[in-house]
Amino acid sequence: MVVYRLKLEKSSDGAVQLRLGLGWRIFFVVSTAVLVAMIAHDGAARGLVPILTAISLFAAIYNESWRFDSSLDQVTSRVGVFFFFRTRTFRLSTLDRIRVRERALKDPDTDLRRSGRPRIGGGRGYVQLLLEFPEERPVVQTESIRNREHVHELARRLAEVLQVPLETG
């Protein structure tokens, strides 16, 4: 199972970055190559294969990063593909804290739809890593509650490097 995870790295200019790991890209490049080979072998694209190929290709070229640069007093978020990026910038000096928030979804036995069937994903939850600025609280990463240790560790390391408080709960 591939888990969407950001990795904490220090860049050569002293900034700290959170970005997708190399494993993410390798998995989706290989998946795309296998799907393209399947299409070439069949001589035509049929069924779900073209859709899965497009999704896999998009995931392979998708980029997400957070850059924390104390020399420029900036936190920069970039999300997108190729040159189509959404970029947001915050002042690093206004970062109040890093927060990890956990949310459990309701129990499937008690959380029924009108049809009487349990909701999909009931009894599970998620964990989020957030940056708390005075004007905004951007979500850096959201994962299944099963991967809470990774998010807590990432938040702890980031708070330590940036020397800001960490809040959990």
N, C-alpha and C. Protein backbone atom coordinates (compact mmCIF):
# COMPACT_ATOMS: atom_id res chain seq x y z
N MET A 1 0.83 -1.18 0.00
CA MET A 1 0.00 0.00 0.00
C MET A 1 0.88 1.25 0.00
N VAL A 2 0.61 2.17 -0.91
CA VAL A 2 1.35 3.42 -0.97
C VAL A 2 0.66 4.42 -0.06
N VAL A 3 1.43 5.00 0.81
CA VAL A 3 0.88 6.00 1.71
C VAL A 3 1.41 7.35 1.28
N TYR A 4 0.48 8.28 1.12
CA TYR A 4 0.83 9.63 0.75
C TYR A 4 1.49 10.27 1.96
N ARG A 5 2.79 10.45 1.91
CA ARG A 5 3.53 10.99 3.04
C ARG A 5 4.51 12.06 2.59
N LEU A 6 4.55 13.11 3.37
CA LEU A 6 5.54 14.14 3.16
C LEU A 6 6.78 13.81 3.98
N LYS A 7 7.95 14.10 3.43
CA LYS A 7 9.22 13.82 4.09
C LYS A 7 9.86 15.16 4.47
N LEU A 8 10.47 15.20 5.65
CA LEU A 8 11.16 16.39 6.13
C LEU A 8 12.61 16.34 5.68
N GLU A 9 13.07 17.40 4.99
CA GLU A 9 14.44 17.46 4.49
C GLU A 9 15.00 18.85 4.70
N LYS A 10 16.31 18.93 4.84
CA LYS A 10 16.98 20.23 4.87
C LYS A 10 17.59 20.46 3.50
N SER A 11 17.36 21.65 2.95
CA SER A 11 17.91 21.95 1.62
C SER A 11 19.32 22.52 1.77
N SER A 12 20.03 22.63 0.67
CA SER A 12 21.41 23.09 0.70
C SER A 12 21.55 24.54 1.17
N ASP A 13 20.49 25.35 1.02
CA ASP A 13 20.56 26.74 1.45
C ASP A 13 20.10 26.95 2.90
N GLY A 14 19.87 25.85 3.62
CA GLY A 14 19.52 25.94 5.03
C GLY A 14 18.03 25.96 5.33
N ALA A 15 17.21 26.00 4.31
CA ALA A 15 15.77 25.97 4.53
C ALA A 15 15.34 24.53 4.83
N VAL A 16 14.17 24.40 5.42
CA VAL A 16 13.59 23.10 5.72
C VAL A 16 12.42 22.89 4.77
N GLN A 17 12.31 21.66 4.24
CA GLN A 17 11.23 21.37 3.29
C GLN A 17 10.47 20.12 3.69
N LEU A 18 9.18 20.15 3.43
CA LEU A 18 8.34 18.96 3.49
C LEU A 18 7.91 18.72 2.05
N ARG A 19 8.16 17.51 1.55
CA ARG A 19 7.73 17.20 0.19
C ARG A 19 7.53 15.70 0.04
N LEU A 20 6.87 15.33 -1.03
CA LEU A 20 6.61 13.92 -1.29
C LEU A 20 7.93 13.18 -1.47
N GLY A 21 8.00 11.99 -0.92
CA GLY A 21 9.21 11.20 -1.02
C GLY A 21 9.41 10.59 -2.40
N LEU A 22 10.59 10.12 -2.64
CA LEU A 22 10.94 9.51 -3.92
C LEU A 22 10.12 8.24 -4.17
N GLY A 23 9.77 7.52 -3.12
CA GLY A 23 8.98 6.30 -3.26
C GLY A 23 7.64 6.54 -3.93
N TRP A 24 7.01 7.68 -3.62
CA TRP A 24 5.73 8.08 -4.25
C TRP A 24 5.90 8.14 -5.76
N ARG A 25 6.90 8.89 -6.19
CA ARG A 25 7.12 9.10 -7.62
C ARG A 25 7.49 7.79 -8.32
N ILE A 26 8.38 7.01 -7.73
CA ILE A 26 8.80 5.75 -8.35
C ILE A 26 7.60 4.81 -8.52
N PHE A 27 6.77 4.69 -7.47
CA PHE A 27 5.61 3.80 -7.55
C PHE A 27 4.70 4.19 -8.73
N PHE A 28 4.41 5.47 -8.87
CA PHE A 28 3.48 5.88 -9.92
C PHE A 28 4.12 5.91 -11.31
N VAL A 29 5.40 6.14 -11.40
CA VAL A 29 6.07 6.05 -12.71
C VAL A 29 6.06 4.59 -13.18
N VAL A 30 6.36 3.66 -12.28
CA VAL A 30 6.34 2.23 -12.63
C VAL A 30 4.92 1.79 -12.97
N SER A 31 3.94 2.25 -12.18
CA SER A 31 2.54 1.90 -12.46
C SER A 31 2.11 2.40 -13.83
N THR A 32 2.48 3.63 -14.15
CA THR A 32 2.14 4.19 -15.46
C THR A 32 2.79 3.38 -16.58
N ALA A 33 4.06 3.02 -16.39
CA ALA A 33 4.77 2.24 -17.42
C ALA A 33 4.10 0.88 -17.63
N VAL A 34 3.70 0.23 -16.55
CA VAL A 34 3.03 -1.08 -16.66
C VAL A 34 1.70 -0.93 -17.39
N LEU A 35 0.94 0.08 -17.05
CA LEU A 35 -0.36 0.30 -17.70
C LEU A 35 -0.20 0.65 -19.18
N VAL A 36 0.80 1.46 -19.50
CA VAL A 36 1.05 1.79 -20.91
C VAL A 36 1.48 0.52 -21.66
N ALA A 37 2.28 -0.32 -21.04
CA ALA A 37 2.69 -1.59 -21.68
C ALA A 37 1.48 -2.48 -21.92
N MET A 38 0.52 -2.49 -20.97
CA MET A 38 -0.70 -3.27 -21.16
C MET A 38 -1.49 -2.76 -22.36
N ILE A 39 -1.59 -1.45 -22.49
CA ILE A 39 -2.31 -0.86 -23.62
C ILE A 39 -1.60 -1.21 -24.93
N ALA A 40 -0.27 -1.09 -24.94
CA ALA A 40 0.50 -1.40 -26.15
C ALA A 40 0.38 -2.87 -26.51
N HIS A 41 0.38 -3.74 -25.53
CA HIS A 41 0.27 -5.17 -25.78
C HIS A 41 -1.09 -5.53 -26.38
N ASP A 42 -2.15 -4.91 -25.86
CA ASP A 42 -3.50 -5.17 -26.38
C ASP A 42 -3.74 -4.50 -27.72
N GLY A 43 -2.99 -3.48 -28.01
CA GLY A 43 -3.18 -2.74 -29.26
C GLY A 43 -4.30 -1.72 -29.18
N ALA A 44 -4.96 -1.63 -28.04
CA ALA A 44 -6.05 -0.66 -27.86
C ALA A 44 -6.27 -0.45 -26.36
N ALA A 45 -6.81 0.69 -26.04
CA ALA A 45 -7.13 1.01 -24.65
C ALA A 45 -8.59 0.65 -24.39
N ARG A 46 -8.80 -0.30 -23.47
CA ARG A 46 -10.17 -0.74 -23.18
C ARG A 46 -10.45 -0.68 -21.68
N GLY A 47 -11.72 -0.54 -21.36
CA GLY A 47 -12.15 -0.61 -19.97
C GLY A 47 -11.58 0.50 -19.11
N LEU A 48 -11.16 0.13 -17.92
CA LEU A 48 -10.65 1.10 -16.95
C LEU A 48 -9.16 1.41 -17.13
N VAL A 49 -8.48 0.67 -17.97
CA VAL A 49 -7.03 0.83 -18.11
C VAL A 49 -6.64 2.26 -18.51
N PRO A 50 -7.30 2.90 -19.48
CA PRO A 50 -6.92 4.27 -19.82
C PRO A 50 -7.15 5.26 -18.66
N ILE A 51 -8.23 5.04 -17.92
CA ILE A 51 -8.51 5.92 -16.79
C ILE A 51 -7.46 5.73 -15.70
N LEU A 52 -7.13 4.48 -15.41
CA LEU A 52 -6.10 4.21 -14.40
C LEU A 52 -4.74 4.74 -14.85
N THR A 53 -4.46 4.66 -16.14
CA THR A 53 -3.20 5.20 -16.68
C THR A 53 -3.14 6.71 -16.48
N ALA A 54 -4.23 7.39 -16.78
CA ALA A 54 -4.26 8.85 -16.61
C ALA A 54 -4.09 9.24 -15.15
N ILE A 55 -4.76 8.53 -14.26
CA ILE A 55 -4.65 8.83 -12.82
C ILE A 55 -3.23 8.57 -12.34
N SER A 56 -2.66 7.46 -12.77
CA SER A 56 -1.30 7.12 -12.37
C SER A 56 -0.28 8.13 -12.90
N LEU A 57 -0.46 8.56 -14.14
CA LEU A 57 0.43 9.56 -14.72
C LEU A 57 0.32 10.88 -13.97
N PHE A 58 -0.91 11.29 -13.66
CA PHE A 58 -1.11 12.53 -12.90
C PHE A 58 -0.43 12.43 -11.54
N ALA A 59 -0.58 11.31 -10.84
CA ALA A 59 0.05 11.13 -9.54
C ALA A 59 1.58 11.16 -9.65
N ALA A 60 2.12 10.64 -10.76
CA ALA A 60 3.57 10.62 -10.95
C ALA A 60 4.14 12.03 -11.14
N ILE A 61 3.37 12.93 -11.76
CA ILE A 61 3.88 14.28 -12.01
C ILE A 61 3.38 15.30 -10.98
N TYR A 62 2.53 14.85 -10.06
CA TYR A 62 2.00 15.73 -9.02
C TYR A 62 3.12 16.12 -8.05
N ASN A 63 3.11 17.36 -7.64
CA ASN A 63 4.13 17.86 -6.72
C ASN A 63 3.47 18.63 -5.60
N GLU A 64 3.90 18.39 -4.39
CA GLU A 64 3.43 19.14 -3.24
C GLU A 64 4.61 19.38 -2.33
N SER A 65 4.79 20.62 -1.90
CA SER A 65 5.90 20.91 -1.00
C SER A 65 5.57 22.10 -0.10
N TRP A 66 6.20 22.08 1.06
CA TRP A 66 6.16 23.18 2.00
C TRP A 66 7.61 23.55 2.28
N ARG A 67 7.94 24.83 2.12
CA ARG A 67 9.31 25.29 2.34
C ARG A 67 9.31 26.32 3.46
N PHE A 68 10.14 26.07 4.47
CA PHE A 68 10.26 26.95 5.63
C PHE A 68 11.64 27.61 5.57
N ASP A 69 11.68 28.88 5.17
CA ASP A 69 12.94 29.59 4.97
C ASP A 69 13.06 30.73 5.97
N SER A 70 13.90 30.53 7.00
CA SER A 70 14.04 31.56 8.04
C SER A 70 14.78 32.79 7.53
N SER A 71 15.67 32.65 6.55
CA SER A 71 16.40 33.82 6.03
C SER A 71 15.48 34.78 5.28
N LEU A 72 14.41 34.26 4.67
CA LEU A 72 13.44 35.10 3.98
C LEU A 72 12.18 35.34 4.81
N ASP A 73 12.11 34.72 6.00
CA ASP A 73 10.93 34.78 6.87
C ASP A 73 9.68 34.34 6.10
N GLN A 74 9.79 33.21 5.40
CA GLN A 74 8.68 32.74 4.57
C GLN A 74 8.40 31.26 4.77
N VAL A 75 7.13 30.94 4.70
CA VAL A 75 6.66 29.56 4.57
C VAL A 75 5.93 29.56 3.23
N THR A 76 6.37 28.73 2.31
CA THR A 76 5.78 28.68 0.98
C THR A 76 5.22 27.30 0.71
N SER A 77 3.97 27.25 0.30
CA SER A 77 3.31 26.02 -0.07
C SER A 77 3.12 26.01 -1.58
N ARG A 78 3.51 24.90 -2.23
CA ARG A 78 3.31 24.74 -3.67
C ARG A 78 2.64 23.41 -3.93
N VAL A 79 1.54 23.45 -4.66
CA VAL A 79 0.79 22.24 -4.99
C VAL A 79 0.41 22.33 -6.46
N GLY A 80 0.68 21.26 -7.23
CA GLY A 80 0.27 21.26 -8.63
C GLY A 80 1.10 20.33 -9.48
N VAL A 81 1.00 20.52 -10.80
CA VAL A 81 1.75 19.73 -11.77
C VAL A 81 2.41 20.68 -12.76
N PHE A 82 3.59 20.27 -13.23
CA PHE A 82 4.38 21.06 -14.18
C PHE A 82 4.45 22.51 -13.74
N PHE A 83 3.99 23.42 -14.56
CA PHE A 83 4.04 24.84 -14.18
C PHE A 83 2.67 25.34 -13.72
N PHE A 84 1.71 24.46 -13.51
CA PHE A 84 0.40 24.82 -12.97
C PHE A 84 0.42 24.57 -11.46
N PHE A 85 0.86 25.56 -10.71
CA PHE A 85 0.98 25.43 -9.28
C PHE A 85 0.13 26.47 -8.57
N ARG A 86 -0.41 26.06 -7.45
CA ARG A 86 -1.02 27.01 -6.53
C ARG A 86 0.03 27.26 -5.46
N THR A 87 0.42 28.51 -5.33
CA THR A 87 1.44 28.87 -4.35
C THR A 87 0.83 29.79 -3.31
N ARG A 88 1.09 29.47 -2.05
CA ARG A 88 0.67 30.34 -0.95
C ARG A 88 1.89 30.64 -0.11
N THR A 89 1.97 31.87 0.38
CA THR A 89 3.11 32.27 1.19
C THR A 89 2.62 32.89 2.50
N PHE A 90 3.30 32.52 3.58
CA PHE A 90 3.01 33.03 4.91
C PHE A 90 4.32 33.54 5.52
N ARG A 91 4.21 34.41 6.50
CA ARG A 91 5.40 34.87 7.23
C ARG A 91 5.74 33.85 8.31
N LEU A 92 6.95 33.32 8.25
CA LEU A 92 7.38 32.31 9.21
C LEU A 92 7.36 32.85 10.63
N SER A 93 7.69 34.12 10.80
CA SER A 93 7.73 34.71 12.15
C SER A 93 6.35 34.79 12.80
N THR A 94 5.28 34.64 12.02
CA THR A 94 3.93 34.69 12.59
C THR A 94 3.36 33.30 12.88
N LEU A 95 4.17 32.26 12.66
CA LEU A 95 3.72 30.90 12.94
C LEU A 95 3.60 30.73 14.46
N ASP A 96 2.36 30.59 14.95
CA ASP A 96 2.11 30.48 16.38
C ASP A 96 2.48 29.10 16.92
N ARG A 97 2.07 28.06 16.19
CA ARG A 97 2.32 26.70 16.65
C ARG A 97 2.05 25.72 15.51
N ILE A 98 2.50 24.51 15.73
CA ILE A 98 2.17 23.39 14.86
C ILE A 98 1.20 22.54 15.67
N ARG A 99 0.15 22.09 15.01
CA ARG A 99 -0.88 21.35 15.72
C ARG A 99 -1.18 20.04 15.02
N VAL A 100 -1.37 18.99 15.82
CA VAL A 100 -1.82 17.70 15.31
C VAL A 100 -3.23 17.50 15.86
N ARG A 101 -4.17 17.32 14.95
CA ARG A 101 -5.58 17.14 15.33
C ARG A 101 -6.04 15.77 14.87
N GLU A 102 -6.63 15.03 15.81
CA GLU A 102 -7.17 13.71 15.49
C GLU A 102 -8.69 13.76 15.57
N ARG A 103 -9.33 13.11 14.62
CA ARG A 103 -10.79 13.04 14.60
C ARG A 103 -11.20 11.59 14.33
N ALA A 104 -12.08 11.09 15.17
CA ALA A 104 -12.63 9.75 14.95
C ALA A 104 -14.00 9.91 14.32
N LEU A 105 -14.27 9.07 13.34
CA LEU A 105 -15.60 9.05 12.75
C LEU A 105 -16.49 8.19 13.64
N LYS A 106 -17.76 8.38 13.51
CA LYS A 106 -18.70 7.67 14.37
C LYS A 106 -18.69 6.17 14.11
N ASP A 107 -19.13 5.44 15.11
CA ASP A 107 -19.21 3.98 15.03
C ASP A 107 -20.23 3.57 13.95
N PRO A 108 -19.88 2.64 13.06
CA PRO A 108 -20.80 2.27 11.99
C PRO A 108 -22.12 1.67 12.48
N ASP A 109 -22.11 1.06 13.66
CA ASP A 109 -23.35 0.47 14.17
C ASP A 109 -24.36 1.53 14.60
N THR A 110 -23.86 2.70 15.05
CA THR A 110 -24.77 3.74 15.52
C THR A 110 -24.95 4.86 14.50
N ASP A 111 -24.08 4.90 13.49
CA ASP A 111 -24.13 5.98 12.50
C ASP A 111 -24.71 5.42 11.20
N LEU A 112 -25.99 5.31 11.13
CA LEU A 112 -26.63 4.73 9.96
C LEU A 112 -27.20 5.81 9.06
N ARG A 113 -27.13 5.57 7.76
CA ARG A 113 -27.79 6.45 6.80
C ARG A 113 -29.29 6.26 6.91
N ARG A 114 -30.01 7.07 6.18
CA ARG A 114 -31.47 6.91 6.15
C ARG A 114 -31.86 5.53 5.63
N SER A 115 -31.03 4.95 4.79
CA SER A 115 -31.33 3.63 4.23
C SER A 115 -31.14 2.52 5.25
N GLY A 116 -30.51 2.84 6.38
CA GLY A 116 -30.28 1.82 7.39
C GLY A 116 -28.95 1.11 7.25
N ARG A 117 -28.17 1.47 6.22
CA ARG A 117 -26.85 0.85 6.03
C ARG A 117 -25.77 1.71 6.68
N PRO A 118 -24.71 1.08 7.17
CA PRO A 118 -23.63 1.87 7.77
C PRO A 118 -22.95 2.75 6.73
N ARG A 119 -22.42 3.87 7.17
CA ARG A 119 -21.65 4.75 6.29
C ARG A 119 -20.32 4.10 5.95
N ILE A 120 -19.83 4.40 4.76
CA ILE A 120 -18.52 3.90 4.36
C ILE A 120 -17.48 4.61 5.20
N GLY A 121 -16.55 3.88 5.75
CA GLY A 121 -15.48 4.47 6.55
C GLY A 121 -15.87 4.69 7.99
N GLY A 122 -17.05 4.26 8.40
CA GLY A 122 -17.47 4.44 9.78
C GLY A 122 -16.54 3.71 10.74
N GLY A 123 -16.39 4.24 11.94
CA GLY A 123 -15.55 3.62 12.94
C GLY A 123 -14.08 3.90 12.74
N ARG A 124 -13.74 4.74 11.81
CA ARG A 124 -12.35 5.09 11.54
C ARG A 124 -12.16 6.56 11.82
N GLY A 125 -11.03 7.07 11.47
CA GLY A 125 -10.79 8.48 11.69
C GLY A 125 -9.60 8.96 10.89
N TYR A 126 -9.19 10.18 11.18
CA TYR A 126 -8.07 10.75 10.47
C TYR A 126 -7.27 11.64 11.42
N VAL A 127 -6.07 11.94 11.02
CA VAL A 127 -5.18 12.81 11.78
C VAL A 127 -4.64 13.86 10.82
N GLN A 128 -4.55 15.10 11.28
CA GLN A 128 -4.09 16.20 10.43
C GLN A 128 -2.93 16.94 11.09
N LEU A 129 -2.01 17.39 10.27
CA LEU A 129 -0.94 18.27 10.71
C LEU A 129 -1.28 19.66 10.19
N LEU A 130 -1.40 20.62 11.08
CA LEU A 130 -1.79 21.99 10.71
C LEU A 130 -0.72 22.98 11.16
N LEU A 131 -0.63 24.06 10.41
CA LEU A 131 0.19 25.20 10.82
C LEU A 131 -0.77 26.28 11.29
N GLU A 132 -0.51 26.84 12.45
CA GLU A 132 -1.42 27.86 12.97
C GLU A 132 -0.77 29.23 12.89
N PHE A 133 -1.28 30.02 11.93
CA PHE A 133 -0.92 31.42 11.77
C PHE A 133 -2.08 32.25 12.30
N PRO A 134 -1.86 33.51 12.62
CA PRO A 134 -2.98 34.33 13.12
C PRO A 134 -4.14 34.42 12.12
N GLU A 135 -3.85 34.49 10.84
CA GLU A 135 -4.89 34.71 9.83
C GLU A 135 -5.43 33.43 9.20
N GLU A 136 -4.71 32.33 9.36
CA GLU A 136 -5.11 31.11 8.65
C GLU A 136 -4.50 29.89 9.33
N ARG A 137 -5.13 28.72 9.10
CA ARG A 137 -4.64 27.45 9.64
C ARG A 137 -4.57 26.42 8.52
N PRO A 138 -3.56 26.52 7.66
CA PRO A 138 -3.48 25.56 6.56
C PRO A 138 -3.18 24.14 7.03
N VAL A 139 -3.80 23.18 6.36
CA VAL A 139 -3.57 21.77 6.64
C VAL A 139 -2.40 21.32 5.77
N VAL A 140 -1.38 20.80 6.40
CA VAL A 140 -0.19 20.34 5.69
C VAL A 140 -0.39 18.91 5.21
N GLN A 141 -0.94 18.06 6.08
CA GLN A 141 -1.13 16.67 5.70
C GLN A 141 -2.29 16.07 6.48
N THR A 142 -3.07 15.22 5.80
CA THR A 142 -4.15 14.46 6.42
C THR A 142 -3.92 13.00 6.10
N GLU A 143 -3.96 12.16 7.14
CA GLU A 143 -3.77 10.72 6.94
C GLU A 143 -4.78 9.95 7.76
N SER A 144 -4.91 8.70 7.45
CA SER A 144 -5.76 7.79 8.23
C SER A 144 -5.25 7.75 9.67
N ILE A 145 -6.15 7.57 10.59
CA ILE A 145 -5.79 7.48 12.01
C ILE A 145 -4.79 6.35 12.26
N ARG A 146 -4.78 5.35 11.37
CA ARG A 146 -3.83 4.24 11.50
C ARG A 146 -2.39 4.71 11.33
N ASN A 147 -2.19 5.85 10.65
CA ASN A 147 -0.84 6.38 10.40
C ASN A 147 -0.52 7.56 11.32
N ARG A 148 -1.16 7.60 12.48
CA ARG A 148 -0.99 8.73 13.39
C ARG A 148 0.46 8.91 13.85
N GLU A 149 1.18 7.81 14.02
CA GLU A 149 2.56 7.91 14.52
C GLU A 149 3.44 8.70 13.56
N HIS A 150 3.25 8.47 12.25
CA HIS A 150 4.03 9.21 11.26
C HIS A 150 3.74 10.71 11.35
N VAL A 151 2.48 11.09 11.45
CA VAL A 151 2.11 12.50 11.51
C VAL A 151 2.61 13.14 12.80
N HIS A 152 2.48 12.44 13.92
CA HIS A 152 2.99 12.98 15.19
C HIS A 152 4.50 13.16 15.15
N GLU A 153 5.21 12.20 14.59
CA GLU A 153 6.66 12.30 14.50
C GLU A 153 7.08 13.44 13.57
N LEU A 154 6.41 13.56 12.44
CA LEU A 154 6.69 14.64 11.50
C LEU A 154 6.46 16.01 12.16
N ALA A 155 5.35 16.13 12.88
CA ALA A 155 5.04 17.38 13.57
C ALA A 155 6.07 17.69 14.65
N ARG A 156 6.47 16.67 15.41
CA ARG A 156 7.46 16.85 16.46
C ARG A 156 8.79 17.34 15.90
N ARG A 157 9.24 16.69 14.82
CA ARG A 157 10.51 17.08 14.20
C ARG A 157 10.43 18.49 13.61
N LEU A 158 9.31 18.81 12.96
CA LEU A 158 9.15 20.13 12.37
C LEU A 158 9.13 21.22 13.45
N ALA A 159 8.39 20.98 14.54
CA ALA A 159 8.33 21.95 15.63
C ALA A 159 9.71 22.16 16.26
N GLU A 160 10.45 21.07 16.37
CA GLU A 160 11.80 21.15 16.93
C GLU A 160 12.72 21.98 16.03
N VAL A 161 12.69 21.72 14.75
CA VAL A 161 13.55 22.45 13.80
C VAL A 161 13.18 23.93 13.74
N LEU A 162 11.87 24.21 13.72
CA LEU A 162 11.41 25.60 13.59
C LEU A 162 11.34 26.32 14.94
N GLN A 163 11.51 25.58 16.02
CA GLN A 163 11.47 26.11 17.37
C GLN A 163 10.16 26.84 17.66
N VAL A 164 9.07 26.14 17.39
CA VAL A 164 7.73 26.64 17.69
C VAL A 164 7.02 25.58 18.54
N PRO A 165 6.00 25.97 19.32
CA PRO A 165 5.29 25.01 20.14
C PRO A 165 4.52 23.98 19.31
N LEU A 166 4.37 22.79 19.88
CA LEU A 166 3.59 21.73 19.26
C LEU A 166 2.41 21.44 20.16
N GLU A 167 1.23 21.39 19.56
CA GLU A 167 0.00 21.09 20.30
C GLU A 167 -0.64 19.86 19.68
N THR A 168 -1.01 18.92 20.52
CA THR A 168 -1.71 17.73 20.03
C THR A 168 -3.08 17.64 20.69
N GLY A 169 -3.99 17.06 19.96
CA GLY A 169 -5.33 16.89 20.53
C GLY A 169 -6.43 17.29 19.62
